[in-house]
Amino acid sequence: MKCSFQKYNLQFKEAGTTSRGTLLQKDTFILTLAGKDRVAYGECNLFRGLAFDDRQGYEEKLAKVCDALPIRRWDMLEELTAWPSIRFGVETVLRDADNGFRRVIFKEIVPEDGFTIPANGLIWMGSDEVMRKRIEEKLQQGYKNIKLKIGALDFEREVDLLRYIRNHEKGSGVTIRLDANGAFGPQEALEKLKRLSDFGIEYLEQPIRQGMWQEMAAIIEKSPIPIALDEELIGVNSHEEKLKLIDTLRPPFLVLKPALTGGFASCDEWNQLAKRASGECVITSALESNIGLNAIAQYTATLNPVRPQGLGTGTLFTNNFGSPYVTDAMGLHYDPLRSWDLSLL
C-alpha cells in the first residue's frame, strides 16, 4: 500500500466569526492509503491558531508519517501524541482500510438503514440583524437545541439576542447553549454568567481563556450555569495531565473535538475521566470536511448519545465532499442510499 497526503482548502459559504476572529477559508489535509485499486481516507484537521500541533514542521511530519504508515500502521499512534490532528487522521485512515475501504470507520454502527445523531443548530456571530435572521431560520426549521457563539459583540446586545429567542413564539422550549471561546475576563465572568442564567442556559463553553486553572476552578464551582471545557483540553495529552485537569477543575461538561484532542482513543480516555468526576462529554466537530465528520459521527454513534451533539458543521462549506450525511432539525443523519463523491480531490 502507498500513503500520501493532500492539502485541501475549504471555503466557507458565509464568514464564520467567533471571539477569536473571522474565518473565510480553512486548510485541512487529506490522508490516503491506497492499495489494489482501493483507497482509504482520513483527515488531518489542523485548526490554525488553536491546535496544539499548529507549528513549524507540520507538513514535514505528515510526509514522514506517510512514508512509514504502510509498514508500521497502528504502531505509529503512540508516537503521534504531540500531533493530535495527525493522530486523528491516521486512526481514521487505518480504520477505513481495515473495514474494507468503504468509509466505514466504526462498522458496528453503520446498519443498512443508517443512523441519526441528535445535534444542535449552530449560530455563528455576526451583526444583530444577521444573527436574528440565523436564529429565526433555526427556529422556523424546528431546532430544539441551539448553540450561539458569543463574546465578540457588546454584551448587552448578546443578552438582547437571548431575550429575542425566549420571546419568540417558538423559542420558549428551545434549549440554548453558549460558547464564549474564552472571551470573558476572570473578574467579570461570574457576573456575566449570572446575567445569562436568566435565560435557562444548558451550559456555557470556555468562559475564560485556557490555562487559568485557579480562576476556572472558582468559576466552575460558583457559576449558576454549568460550565463546559473546550479549548482547556487542547495540549493536555498524557493520562496524568488529563487526570490532574479533571481533579482540579471538576467540570460538568467536556466538549471533545477528536482532531484537537488526539483521536478516538484519547476521547475514550477523556470520557472515562469525566464520568469519574460525574461529568459528561459532548462530541463536536471542528470544521472538518465530510471525511473527518464521517469518522467523528460514527464514533459518536457508538456512544448512543441522548443529548444533542455538535455535529452540524458539514454544511458550512461551498466545496465540501458529497457524502451520505444530511443535517436537519432532528440531527445528523447517515443515509446509506446516498453515495460519496470525492472527485474534488
C-alpha atoms as a PDB file:
ATOM      1  CA  MET A   1       0.000   0.000   0.000  1.00  0.00           C
ATOM      2  CA  LYS A   2       1.008   3.619  -0.533  1.00  0.00           C
ATOM      3  CA  CYS A   3       0.198   6.543   1.729  1.00  0.00           C
ATOM      4  CA  SER A   4       0.085  10.206   0.686  1.00  0.00           C
ATOM      5  CA  PHE A   5      -1.475  13.482   1.778  1.00  0.00           C
ATOM      6  CA  GLN A   6      -3.018  16.472   0.035  1.00  0.00           C
ATOM      7  CA  LYS A   7      -3.735  19.955   1.363  1.00  0.00           C
ATOM      8  CA  TYR A   8      -7.337  20.954   0.739  1.00  0.00           C
ATOM      9  CA  ASN A   9      -8.743  24.456   1.152  1.00  0.00           C
ATOM     10  CA  LEU A  10     -12.324  24.580   2.473  1.00  0.00           C
ATOM     11  CA  GLN A  11     -14.305  27.689   1.523  1.00  0.00           C
ATOM     12  CA  PHE A  12     -16.998  28.997   3.867  1.00  0.00           C
ATOM     13  CA  LYS A  13     -20.430  29.820   2.444  1.00  0.00           C
ATOM     14  CA  GLU A  14     -20.608  32.682   4.941  1.00  0.00           C
ATOM     15  CA  ALA A  15     -17.943  34.186   7.151  1.00  0.00           C
ATOM     16  CA  GLY A  16     -17.556  32.167  10.345  1.00  0.00           C
ATOM     17  CA  THR A  17     -16.987  34.586  13.211  1.00  0.00           C
ATOM     18  CA  THR A  18     -16.003  33.820  16.803  1.00  0.00           C
ATOM     19  CA  SER A  19     -14.454  35.930  19.554  1.00  0.00           C
ATOM     20  CA  ARG A  20     -11.058  34.849  18.149  1.00  0.00           C
ATOM     21  CA  GLY A  21     -11.697  36.262  14.681  1.00  0.00           C
ATOM     22  CA  THR A  22     -13.380  35.586  11.348  1.00  0.00           C
ATOM     23  CA  LEU A  23     -12.855  32.611   9.031  1.00  0.00           C
ATOM     24  CA  LEU A  24     -13.416  32.805   5.284  1.00  0.00           C
ATOM     25  CA  GLN A  25     -11.457  29.676   4.421  1.00  0.00           C
ATOM     26  CA  LYS A  26      -9.680  26.858   6.187  1.00  0.00           C
ATOM     27  CA  ASP A  27      -6.936  24.444   5.174  1.00  0.00           C
ATOM     28  CA  THR A  28      -7.129  20.763   6.021  1.00  0.00           C
ATOM     29  CA  PHE A  29      -5.043  17.755   4.986  1.00  0.00           C
ATOM     30  CA  ILE A  30      -6.490  14.597   3.448  1.00  0.00           C
ATOM     31  CA  LEU A  31      -4.611  11.334   4.014  1.00  0.00           C
ATOM     32  CA  THR A  32      -4.991   8.453   1.553  1.00  0.00           C
ATOM     33  CA  LEU A  33      -3.884   4.860   1.923  1.00  0.00           C
ATOM     34  CA  ALA A  34      -4.147   3.097  -1.429  1.00  0.00           C
ATOM     35  CA  GLY A  35      -3.796  -0.497  -2.479  1.00  0.00           C
ATOM     36  CA  LYS A  36      -5.161  -2.708  -5.274  1.00  0.00           C
ATOM     37  CA  ASP A  37      -7.471  -0.073  -6.757  1.00  0.00           C
ATOM     38  CA  ARG A  38      -8.937   0.746  -3.371  1.00  0.00           C
ATOM     39  CA  VAL A  39      -8.396   3.893  -1.308  1.00  0.00           C
ATOM     40  CA  ALA A  40      -8.933   4.651   2.372  1.00  0.00           C
ATOM     41  CA  TYR A  41      -9.288   8.261   3.547  1.00  0.00           C
ATOM     42  CA  GLY A  42      -8.508  10.140   6.717  1.00  0.00           C
ATOM     43  CA  GLU A  43      -8.399  13.821   7.573  1.00  0.00           C
ATOM     44  CA  CYS A  44      -5.690  15.637   9.496  1.00  0.00           C
ATOM     45  CA  ASN A  45      -7.712  18.662  10.506  1.00  0.00           C
ATOM     46  CA  LEU A  46      -5.158  21.293  11.507  1.00  0.00           C
ATOM     47  CA  PHE A  47      -7.009  24.175  13.184  1.00  0.00           C
ATOM     48  CA  ARG A  48      -4.587  27.070  12.815  1.00  0.00           C
ATOM     49  CA  GLY A  49      -4.282  29.411  15.762  1.00  0.00           C
ATOM     50  CA  LEU A  50      -5.851  26.880  18.104  1.00  0.00           C
ATOM     51  CA  ALA A  51      -4.427  23.377  17.615  1.00  0.00           C
ATOM     52  CA  PHE A  52      -1.565  22.082  19.768  1.00  0.00           C
ATOM     53  CA  ASP A  53       0.229  20.906  16.604  1.00  0.00           C
ATOM     54  CA  ASP A  54      -0.079  24.208  14.729  1.00  0.00           C
ATOM     55  CA  ARG A  55       3.678  24.678  14.468  1.00  0.00           C
ATOM     56  CA  GLN A  56       6.551  24.634  12.041  1.00  0.00           C
ATOM     57  CA  GLY A  57       7.284  21.247  10.523  1.00  0.00           C
ATOM     58  CA  TYR A  58       3.674  20.043  10.263  1.00  0.00           C
ATOM     59  CA  GLU A  59       3.800  19.031   6.601  1.00  0.00           C
ATOM     60  CA  GLU A  60       7.261  17.548   7.047  1.00  0.00           C
ATOM     61  CA  LYS A  61       5.868  15.398   9.862  1.00  0.00           C
ATOM     62  CA  LEU A  62       2.974  14.354   7.652  1.00  0.00           C
ATOM     63  CA  ALA A  63       5.401  13.315   4.913  1.00  0.00           C
ATOM     64  CA  LYS A  64       7.351  11.144   7.370  1.00  0.00           C
ATOM     65  CA  VAL A  65       4.139   9.573   8.599  1.00  0.00           C
ATOM     66  CA  CYS A  66       3.104   8.736   5.048  1.00  0.00           C
ATOM     67  CA  ASP A  67       6.466   7.086   4.388  1.00  0.00           C
ATOM     68  CA  ALA A  68       6.201   4.861   7.461  1.00  0.00           C
ATOM     69  CA  LEU A  69       2.458   4.215   7.733  1.00  0.00           C
ATOM     70  CA  PRO A  70       2.073   1.369   5.178  1.00  0.00           C
ATOM     71  CA  ILE A  71       4.595  -0.724   7.133  1.00  0.00           C
ATOM     72  CA  ARG A  72       4.128   0.324  10.747  1.00  0.00           C
ATOM     73  CA  ARG A  73       0.381   1.010  10.716  1.00  0.00           C
ATOM     74  CA  TRP A  74      -1.117   1.017  14.239  1.00  0.00           C
ATOM     75  CA  ASP A  75       2.310   1.015  15.893  1.00  0.00           C
ATOM     76  CA  MET A  76       2.658   4.670  14.891  1.00  0.00           C
ATOM     77  CA  LEU A  77      -0.155   6.042  17.031  1.00  0.00           C
ATOM     78  CA  GLU A  78       1.741   6.308  20.302  1.00  0.00           C
ATOM     79  CA  GLU A  79       4.413   8.427  18.598  1.00  0.00           C
ATOM     80  CA  LEU A  80       1.802  10.955  17.466  1.00  0.00           C
ATOM     81  CA  THR A  81       0.616  12.127  20.879  1.00  0.00           C
ATOM     82  CA  ALA A  82       2.182  15.535  20.257  1.00  0.00           C
ATOM     83  CA  TRP A  83       0.468  15.747  16.846  1.00  0.00           C
ATOM     84  CA  PRO A  84      -3.260  15.359  17.702  1.00  0.00           C
ATOM     85  CA  SER A  85      -4.718  16.183  14.297  1.00  0.00           C
ATOM     86  CA  ILE A  86      -2.298  13.835  12.524  1.00  0.00           C
ATOM     87  CA  ARG A  87      -3.128  11.090  15.004  1.00  0.00           C
ATOM     88  CA  PHE A  88      -6.828  11.650  14.283  1.00  0.00           C
ATOM     89  CA  GLY A  89      -6.201  11.306  10.528  1.00  0.00           C
ATOM     90  CA  VAL A  90      -4.010   8.220  10.889  1.00  0.00           C
ATOM     91  CA  GLU A  91      -6.521   6.481  13.141  1.00  0.00           C
ATOM     92  CA  THR A  92      -9.300   7.237  10.650  1.00  0.00           C
ATOM     93  CA  VAL A  93      -7.449   6.105   7.522  1.00  0.00           C
ATOM     94  CA  LEU A  94      -6.373   2.841   9.169  1.00  0.00           C
ATOM     95  CA  ARG A  95      -9.893   2.092  10.368  1.00  0.00           C
ATOM     96  CA  ASP A  96     -11.222   2.792   6.867  1.00  0.00           C
ATOM     97  CA  ALA A  97      -8.662   0.402   5.337  1.00  0.00           C
ATOM     98  CA  ASP A  98      -9.269  -2.322   7.922  1.00  0.00           C
ATOM     99  CA  ASN A  99     -13.030  -2.103   7.355  1.00  0.00           C
ATOM    100  CA  GLY A 100     -12.873  -2.594   3.601  1.00  0.00           C
ATOM    101  CA  PHE A 101     -12.026   0.853   2.137  1.00  0.00           C
ATOM    102  CA  ARG A 102     -15.713   1.882   2.300  1.00  0.00           C
ATOM    103  CA  ARG A 103     -15.596   4.967   4.564  1.00  0.00           C
ATOM    104  CA  VAL A 104     -16.789   2.672   7.365  1.00  0.00           C
ATOM    105  CA  ILE A 105     -14.777   3.747  10.386  1.00  0.00           C
ATOM    106  CA  PHE A 106     -16.805   2.018  13.110  1.00  0.00           C
ATOM    107  CA  LYS A 107     -18.557  -0.808  11.305  1.00  0.00           C
ATOM    108  CA  GLU A 108     -20.747  -1.775  14.251  1.00  0.00           C
ATOM    109  CA  ILE A 109     -22.869   1.369  13.950  1.00  0.00           C
ATOM    110  CA  VAL A 110     -23.435   1.666  10.185  1.00  0.00           C
ATOM    111  CA  PRO A 111     -26.510  -0.533   9.698  1.00  0.00           C
ATOM    112  CA  GLU A 112     -28.169  -0.823   6.318  1.00  0.00           C
ATOM    113  CA  ASP A 113     -30.894   1.593   7.376  1.00  0.00           C
ATOM    114  CA  GLY A 114     -28.433   4.288   8.509  1.00  0.00           C
ATOM    115  CA  PHE A 115     -28.385   6.139  11.811  1.00  0.00           C
ATOM    116  CA  THR A 116     -29.232   9.506  13.336  1.00  0.00           C
ATOM    117  CA  ILE A 117     -27.362  11.524  15.936  1.00  0.00           C
ATOM    118  CA  PRO A 118     -29.196  14.354  17.726  1.00  0.00           C
ATOM    119  CA  ALA A 119     -27.345  17.626  17.048  1.00  0.00           C
ATOM    120  CA  ASN A 120     -27.638  21.270  17.994  1.00  0.00           C
ATOM    121  CA  GLY A 121     -28.081  24.071  15.490  1.00  0.00           C
ATOM    122  CA  LEU A 122     -25.090  26.417  15.384  1.00  0.00           C
ATOM    123  CA  ILE A 123     -25.474  30.216  15.227  1.00  0.00           C
ATOM    124  CA  TRP A 124     -22.277  31.970  14.179  1.00  0.00           C
ATOM    125  CA  MET A 125     -21.539  35.509  15.299  1.00  0.00           C
ATOM    126  CA  GLY A 126     -22.484  38.407  13.090  1.00  0.00           C
ATOM    127  CA  SER A 127     -24.319  41.704  13.239  1.00  0.00           C
ATOM    128  CA  ASP A 128     -27.540  41.883  15.247  1.00  0.00           C
ATOM    129  CA  GLU A 129     -29.549  41.672  12.040  1.00  0.00           C
ATOM    130  CA  VAL A 130     -27.616  38.695  10.703  1.00  0.00           C
ATOM    131  CA  MET A 131     -27.779  36.784  13.970  1.00  0.00           C
ATOM    132  CA  ARG A 132     -31.508  37.409  14.373  1.00  0.00           C
ATOM    133  CA  LYS A 133     -32.001  36.122  10.839  1.00  0.00           C
ATOM    134  CA  ARG A 134     -29.994  32.992  11.579  1.00  0.00           C
ATOM    135  CA  ILE A 135     -31.871  32.426  14.828  1.00  0.00           C
ATOM    136  CA  GLU A 136     -35.217  32.900  13.055  1.00  0.00           C
ATOM    137  CA  GLU A 137     -34.201  30.334  10.420  1.00  0.00           C
ATOM    138  CA  LYS A 138     -33.261  27.729  13.017  1.00  0.00           C
ATOM    139  CA  LEU A 139     -36.461  28.245  14.984  1.00  0.00           C
ATOM    140  CA  GLN A 140     -38.625  28.045  11.865  1.00  0.00           C
ATOM    141  CA  GLN A 141     -36.801  24.869  10.831  1.00  0.00           C
ATOM    142  CA  GLY A 142     -37.788  23.321  14.134  1.00  0.00           C
ATOM    143  CA  TYR A 143     -34.484  23.159  16.013  1.00  0.00           C
ATOM    144  CA  LYS A 144     -34.964  22.423  19.701  1.00  0.00           C
ATOM    145  CA  ASN A 145     -31.322  22.911  20.710  1.00  0.00           C
ATOM    146  CA  ILE A 146     -29.393  25.987  19.557  1.00  0.00           C
ATOM    147  CA  LYS A 147     -25.787  26.934  20.240  1.00  0.00           C
ATOM    148  CA  LEU A 148     -24.696  30.562  19.962  1.00  0.00           C
ATOM    149  CA  LYS A 149     -21.170  31.868  19.676  1.00  0.00           C
ATOM    150  CA  ILE A 150     -20.844  34.890  21.944  1.00  0.00           C
ATOM    151  CA  GLY A 151     -18.102  37.223  23.089  1.00  0.00           C
ATOM    152  CA  ALA A 152     -17.446  39.377  20.020  1.00  0.00           C
ATOM    153  CA  LEU A 153     -20.444  41.718  20.270  1.00  0.00           C
ATOM    154  CA  ASP A 154     -21.326  44.134  23.031  1.00  0.00           C
ATOM    155  CA  PHE A 155     -22.566  42.005  25.933  1.00  0.00           C
ATOM    156  CA  GLU A 156     -25.904  43.807  26.212  1.00  0.00           C
ATOM    157  CA  ARG A 157     -26.599  43.133  22.557  1.00  0.00           C
ATOM    158  CA  GLU A 158     -25.910  39.452  23.132  1.00  0.00           C
ATOM    159  CA  VAL A 159     -28.307  39.471  26.076  1.00  0.00           C
ATOM    160  CA  ASP A 160     -30.913  41.035  23.774  1.00  0.00           C
ATOM    161  CA  LEU A 161     -30.426  38.153  21.315  1.00  0.00           C
ATOM    162  CA  LEU A 162     -31.144  35.636  24.052  1.00  0.00           C
ATOM    163  CA  ARG A 163     -34.207  37.634  25.054  1.00  0.00           C
ATOM    164  CA  TYR A 164     -35.292  37.564  21.403  1.00  0.00           C
ATOM    165  CA  ILE A 165     -35.124  33.762  21.413  1.00  0.00           C
ATOM    166  CA  ARG A 166     -37.115  33.410  24.625  1.00  0.00           C
ATOM    167  CA  ASN A 167     -39.759  35.896  23.448  1.00  0.00           C
ATOM    168  CA  HIS A 168     -40.133  34.166  20.083  1.00  0.00           C
ATOM    169  CA  GLU A 169     -43.264  32.084  19.619  1.00  0.00           C
ATOM    170  CA  LYS A 170     -41.079  29.002  19.039  1.00  0.00           C
ATOM    171  CA  GLY A 171     -38.287  29.890  21.437  1.00  0.00           C
ATOM    172  CA  SER A 172     -39.688  29.235  24.896  1.00  0.00           C
ATOM    173  CA  GLY A 173     -38.990  25.492  24.790  1.00  0.00           C
ATOM    174  CA  VAL A 174     -35.658  25.674  22.980  1.00  0.00           C
ATOM    175  CA  THR A 175     -32.525  24.542  24.794  1.00  0.00           C
ATOM    176  CA  ILE A 176     -29.744  27.131  24.486  1.00  0.00           C
ATOM    177  CA  ARG A 177     -26.015  26.501  24.606  1.00  0.00           C
ATOM    178  CA  LEU A 178     -23.420  29.272  24.593  1.00  0.00           C
ATOM    179  CA  ASP A 179     -19.769  29.272  23.548  1.00  0.00           C
ATOM    180  CA  ALA A 180     -17.641  32.192  24.712  1.00  0.00           C
ATOM    181  CA  ASN A 181     -14.343  30.833  23.316  1.00  0.00           C
ATOM    182  CA  GLY A 182     -12.544  32.317  26.330  1.00  0.00           C
ATOM    183  CA  ALA A 183     -13.823  35.857  25.730  1.00  0.00           C
ATOM    184  CA  PHE A 184     -14.706  36.774  29.331  1.00  0.00           C
ATOM    185  CA  GLY A 185     -12.206  38.239  31.755  1.00  0.00           C
ATOM    186  CA  PRO A 186     -11.784  36.293  35.028  1.00  0.00           C
ATOM    187  CA  GLN A 187     -13.055  39.210  37.113  1.00  0.00           C
ATOM    188  CA  GLU A 188     -16.215  39.740  35.071  1.00  0.00           C
ATOM    189  CA  ALA A 189     -17.102  36.144  34.226  1.00  0.00           C
ATOM    190  CA  LEU A 190     -19.334  35.318  37.200  1.00  0.00           C
ATOM    191  CA  GLU A 191     -21.380  38.490  36.853  1.00  0.00           C
ATOM    192  CA  LYS A 192     -21.928  37.788  33.149  1.00  0.00           C
ATOM    193  CA  LEU A 193     -22.816  34.172  33.884  1.00  0.00           C
ATOM    194  CA  LYS A 194     -25.373  35.360  36.424  1.00  0.00           C
ATOM    195  CA  ARG A 195     -26.958  37.640  33.805  1.00  0.00           C
ATOM    196  CA  LEU A 196     -27.009  34.875  31.226  1.00  0.00           C
ATOM    197  CA  SER A 197     -28.546  32.368  33.653  1.00  0.00           C
ATOM    198  CA  ASP A 198     -31.844  34.257  33.414  1.00  0.00           C
ATOM    199  CA  PHE A 199     -32.340  32.621  30.009  1.00  0.00           C
ATOM    200  CA  GLY A 200     -32.108  28.988  31.085  1.00  0.00           C
ATOM    201  CA  ILE A 201     -28.761  28.070  29.523  1.00  0.00           C
ATOM    202  CA  GLU A 202     -27.885  24.359  29.292  1.00  0.00           C
ATOM    203  CA  TYR A 203     -24.159  25.058  29.516  1.00  0.00           C
ATOM    204  CA  LEU A 204     -21.573  27.647  28.519  1.00  0.00           C
ATOM    205  CA  GLU A 205     -18.279  26.655  26.926  1.00  0.00           C
ATOM    206  CA  GLN A 206     -14.956  28.092  27.977  1.00  0.00           C
ATOM    207  CA  PRO A 207     -15.919  31.372  29.710  1.00  0.00           C
ATOM    208  CA  ILE A 208     -12.273  32.439  30.190  1.00  0.00           C
ATOM    209  CA  ARG A 209      -9.158  31.628  28.234  1.00  0.00           C
ATOM    210  CA  GLN A 210      -7.441  28.307  28.736  1.00  0.00           C
ATOM    211  CA  GLY A 211      -4.619  27.741  31.186  1.00  0.00           C
ATOM    212  CA  MET A 212      -6.038  29.731  34.112  1.00  0.00           C
ATOM    213  CA  TRP A 213      -6.892  26.730  36.251  1.00  0.00           C
ATOM    214  CA  GLN A 214      -7.275  28.511  39.588  1.00  0.00           C
ATOM    215  CA  GLU A 215      -9.691  31.060  38.150  1.00  0.00           C
ATOM    216  CA  MET A 216     -11.544  28.450  36.101  1.00  0.00           C
ATOM    217  CA  ALA A 217     -11.999  26.158  39.111  1.00  0.00           C
ATOM    218  CA  ALA A 218     -13.574  29.011  41.071  1.00  0.00           C
ATOM    219  CA  ILE A 219     -15.884  29.876  38.182  1.00  0.00           C
ATOM    220  CA  ILE A 220     -16.993  26.262  37.740  1.00  0.00           C
ATOM    221  CA  GLU A 221     -17.726  25.986  41.459  1.00  0.00           C
ATOM    222  CA  LYS A 222     -19.748  29.212  41.691  1.00  0.00           C
ATOM    223  CA  SER A 223     -21.330  29.543  38.248  1.00  0.00           C
ATOM    224  CA  PRO A 224     -25.156  29.450  38.041  1.00  0.00           C
ATOM    225  CA  ILE A 225     -24.709  27.929  34.565  1.00  0.00           C
ATOM    226  CA  PRO A 226     -22.953  24.566  34.072  1.00  0.00           C
ATOM    227  CA  ILE A 227     -19.528  25.129  32.515  1.00  0.00           C
ATOM    228  CA  ALA A 228     -18.133  23.087  29.628  1.00  0.00           C
ATOM    229  CA  LEU A 229     -14.408  22.914  28.912  1.00  0.00           C
ATOM    230  CA  ASP A 230     -13.307  23.067  25.281  1.00  0.00           C
ATOM    231  CA  GLU A 231     -10.045  24.866  24.495  1.00  0.00           C
ATOM    232  CA  GLU A 232      -8.916  23.936  28.015  1.00  0.00           C
ATOM    233  CA  LEU A 233      -8.368  20.367  26.808  1.00  0.00           C
ATOM    234  CA  ILE A 234      -6.035  21.275  23.953  1.00  0.00           C
ATOM    235  CA  GLY A 235      -2.446  20.240  24.628  1.00  0.00           C
ATOM    236  CA  VAL A 236      -3.402  18.130  27.660  1.00  0.00           C
ATOM    237  CA  ASN A 237      -2.193  14.890  26.155  1.00  0.00           C
ATOM    238  CA  SER A 238      -0.910  12.481  28.824  1.00  0.00           C
ATOM    239  CA  HIS A 239      -3.122  10.482  31.157  1.00  0.00           C
ATOM    240  CA  GLU A 240      -1.525  12.193  34.149  1.00  0.00           C
ATOM    241  CA  GLU A 241      -2.250  15.672  32.765  1.00  0.00           C
ATOM    242  CA  LYS A 242      -5.843  14.747  31.963  1.00  0.00           C
ATOM    243  CA  LEU A 243      -6.409  13.316  35.425  1.00  0.00           C
ATOM    244  CA  LYS A 244      -4.947  16.435  37.049  1.00  0.00           C
ATOM    245  CA  LEU A 245      -7.222  18.708  34.995  1.00  0.00           C
ATOM    246  CA  ILE A 246     -10.351  16.742  35.870  1.00  0.00           C
ATOM    247  CA  ASP A 247      -9.484  16.505  39.572  1.00  0.00           C
ATOM    248  CA  THR A 248      -8.606  20.204  39.749  1.00  0.00           C
ATOM    249  CA  LEU A 249     -11.470  21.713  37.763  1.00  0.00           C
ATOM    250  CA  ARG A 250     -14.276  19.126  38.172  1.00  0.00           C
ATOM    251  CA  PRO A 251     -16.096  20.302  35.016  1.00  0.00           C
ATOM    252  CA  PRO A 252     -19.757  19.338  34.485  1.00  0.00           C
ATOM    253  CA  PHE A 253     -19.155  19.022  30.719  1.00  0.00           C
ATOM    254  CA  LEU A 254     -16.274  18.330  28.355  1.00  0.00           C
ATOM    255  CA  VAL A 255     -16.565  19.274  24.690  1.00  0.00           C
ATOM    256  CA  LEU A 256     -14.435  16.768  22.782  1.00  0.00           C
ATOM    257  CA  LYS A 257     -13.137  17.568  19.308  1.00  0.00           C
ATOM    258  CA  PRO A 258     -11.214  14.489  18.141  1.00  0.00           C
ATOM    259  CA  ALA A 259      -8.902  16.425  15.809  1.00  0.00           C
ATOM    260  CA  LEU A 260      -7.867  18.718  18.661  1.00  0.00           C
ATOM    261  CA  THR A 261      -7.706  16.128  21.433  1.00  0.00           C
ATOM    262  CA  GLY A 262      -5.861  13.379  19.570  1.00  0.00           C
ATOM    263  CA  GLY A 263      -8.370  10.986  18.053  1.00  0.00           C
ATOM    264  CA  PHE A 264     -10.813   8.448  19.401  1.00  0.00           C
ATOM    265  CA  ALA A 265      -8.658   6.606  21.941  1.00  0.00           C
ATOM    266  CA  SER A 266      -7.953   9.967  23.584  1.00  0.00           C
ATOM    267  CA  CYS A 267     -11.674  10.806  23.544  1.00  0.00           C
ATOM    268  CA  ASP A 268     -12.388   7.469  25.246  1.00  0.00           C
ATOM    269  CA  GLU A 269      -9.898   8.379  27.966  1.00  0.00           C
ATOM    270  CA  TRP A 270     -11.447  11.829  28.495  1.00  0.00           C
ATOM    271  CA  ASN A 271     -14.891  10.233  28.616  1.00  0.00           C
ATOM    272  CA  GLN A 272     -13.863   7.799  31.321  1.00  0.00           C
ATOM    273  CA  LEU A 273     -12.233  10.526  33.398  1.00  0.00           C
ATOM    274  CA  ALA A 274     -15.265  12.800  33.039  1.00  0.00           C
ATOM    275  CA  LYS A 275     -17.556  10.068  34.338  1.00  0.00           C
ATOM    276  CA  ARG A 276     -15.151   9.573  37.250  1.00  0.00           C
ATOM    277  CA  ALA A 277     -15.936  13.181  38.264  1.00  0.00           C
ATOM    278  CA  SER A 278     -19.683  12.879  37.488  1.00  0.00           C
ATOM    279  CA  GLY A 279     -19.204  14.888  34.300  1.00  0.00           C
ATOM    280  CA  GLU A 280     -20.476  14.338  30.780  1.00  0.00           C
ATOM    281  CA  CYS A 281     -18.945  14.614  27.306  1.00  0.00           C
ATOM    282  CA  VAL A 282     -20.383  16.175  24.165  1.00  0.00           C
ATOM    283  CA  ILE A 283     -18.685  15.307  20.875  1.00  0.00           C
ATOM    284  CA  THR A 284     -18.192  18.209  18.489  1.00  0.00           C
ATOM    285  CA  SER A 285     -16.712  18.628  15.032  1.00  0.00           C
ATOM    286  CA  ALA A 286     -14.010  21.240  14.479  1.00  0.00           C
ATOM    287  CA  LEU A 287     -14.679  22.461  10.937  1.00  0.00           C
ATOM    288  CA  GLU A 288     -13.582  19.242   9.236  1.00  0.00           C
ATOM    289  CA  SER A 289     -14.585  18.287   5.740  1.00  0.00           C
ATOM    290  CA  ASN A 290     -17.108  15.463   5.451  1.00  0.00           C
ATOM    291  CA  ILE A 291     -14.256  12.949   5.544  1.00  0.00           C
ATOM    292  CA  GLY A 292     -13.388  13.896   9.104  1.00  0.00           C
ATOM    293  CA  LEU A 293     -17.015  14.499  10.045  1.00  0.00           C
ATOM    294  CA  ASN A 294     -17.870  10.971   8.919  1.00  0.00           C
ATOM    295  CA  ALA A 295     -15.330   9.494  11.315  1.00  0.00           C
ATOM    296  CA  ILE A 296     -16.499  11.689  14.198  1.00  0.00           C
ATOM    297  CA  ALA A 297     -20.171  10.933  13.534  1.00  0.00           C
ATOM    298  CA  GLN A 298     -19.593   7.190  13.501  1.00  0.00           C
ATOM    299  CA  TYR A 299     -17.583   7.375  16.716  1.00  0.00           C
ATOM    300  CA  THR A 300     -20.326   9.442  18.329  1.00  0.00           C
ATOM    301  CA  ALA A 301     -22.954   6.934  17.272  1.00  0.00           C
ATOM    302  CA  THR A 302     -21.095   4.201  19.173  1.00  0.00           C
ATOM    303  CA  LEU A 303     -21.761   6.210  22.352  1.00  0.00           C
ATOM    304  CA  ASN A 304     -25.545   6.193  21.780  1.00  0.00           C
ATOM    305  CA  PRO A 305     -25.960   9.840  22.801  1.00  0.00           C
ATOM    306  CA  VAL A 306     -29.265  11.165  24.033  1.00  0.00           C
ATOM    307  CA  ARG A 307     -28.136  14.773  24.490  1.00  0.00           C
ATOM    308  CA  PRO A 308     -27.602  16.684  21.180  1.00  0.00           C
ATOM    309  CA  GLN A 309     -24.024  16.702  19.927  1.00  0.00           C
ATOM    310  CA  GLY A 310     -22.161  19.384  17.958  1.00  0.00           C
ATOM    311  CA  LEU A 311     -22.016  17.787  14.533  1.00  0.00           C
ATOM    312  CA  GLY A 312     -23.771  20.309  12.327  1.00  0.00           C
ATOM    313  CA  THR A 313     -20.755  21.930  10.635  1.00  0.00           C
ATOM    314  CA  GLY A 314     -20.662  19.821   7.468  1.00  0.00           C
ATOM    315  CA  THR A 315     -22.948  22.238   5.632  1.00  0.00           C
ATOM    316  CA  LEU A 316     -20.737  25.309   6.154  1.00  0.00           C
ATOM    317  CA  PHE A 317     -18.555  24.927   3.054  1.00  0.00           C
ATOM    318  CA  THR A 318     -19.130  25.520  -0.649  1.00  0.00           C
ATOM    319  CA  ASN A 319     -16.654  22.812  -1.690  1.00  0.00           C
ATOM    320  CA  ASN A 320     -17.253  20.037   0.815  1.00  0.00           C
ATOM    321  CA  PHE A 321     -17.264  16.451  -0.440  1.00  0.00           C
ATOM    322  CA  GLY A 322     -20.510  14.721  -1.276  1.00  0.00           C
ATOM    323  CA  SER A 323     -21.385  12.270   1.485  1.00  0.00           C
ATOM    324  CA  PRO A 324     -24.224  10.148   2.894  1.00  0.00           C
ATOM    325  CA  TYR A 325     -24.946  12.760   5.570  1.00  0.00           C
ATOM    326  CA  VAL A 326     -27.964  15.034   5.797  1.00  0.00           C
ATOM    327  CA  THR A 327     -28.496  17.632   8.515  1.00  0.00           C
ATOM    328  CA  ASP A 328     -31.841  18.949   9.724  1.00  0.00           C
ATOM    329  CA  ALA A 329     -33.547  19.958  12.949  1.00  0.00           C
ATOM    330  CA  MET A 330     -33.705  16.348  14.106  1.00  0.00           C
ATOM    331  CA  GLY A 331     -29.951  15.885  13.875  1.00  0.00           C
ATOM    332  CA  LEU A 332     -27.275  14.430  11.634  1.00  0.00           C
ATOM    333  CA  HIS A 333     -28.495  11.506   9.515  1.00  0.00           C
ATOM    334  CA  TYR A 334     -26.426   8.837   7.787  1.00  0.00           C
ATOM    335  CA  ASP A 335     -28.386   7.795   4.693  1.00  0.00           C
ATOM    336  CA  PRO A 336     -26.912   4.624   3.104  1.00  0.00           C
ATOM    337  CA  LEU A 337     -28.737   5.395  -0.160  1.00  0.00           C
ATOM    338  CA  ARG A 338     -26.576   8.498  -0.659  1.00  0.00           C
ATOM    339  CA  SER A 339     -23.109   7.927  -2.102  1.00  0.00           C
ATOM    340  CA  TRP A 340     -19.730   9.530  -1.553  1.00  0.00           C
ATOM    341  CA  ASP A 341     -18.323  11.954  -4.108  1.00  0.00           C
ATOM    342  CA  LEU A 342     -14.606  12.578  -3.640  1.00  0.00           C
ATOM    343  CA  SER A 343     -13.952  13.759  -7.191  1.00  0.00           C
ATOM    344  CA  LEU A 344     -12.746  17.143  -5.910  1.00  0.00           C
ATOM    345  CA  LEU A 345      -9.566  15.505  -4.602  1.00  0.00           C
END
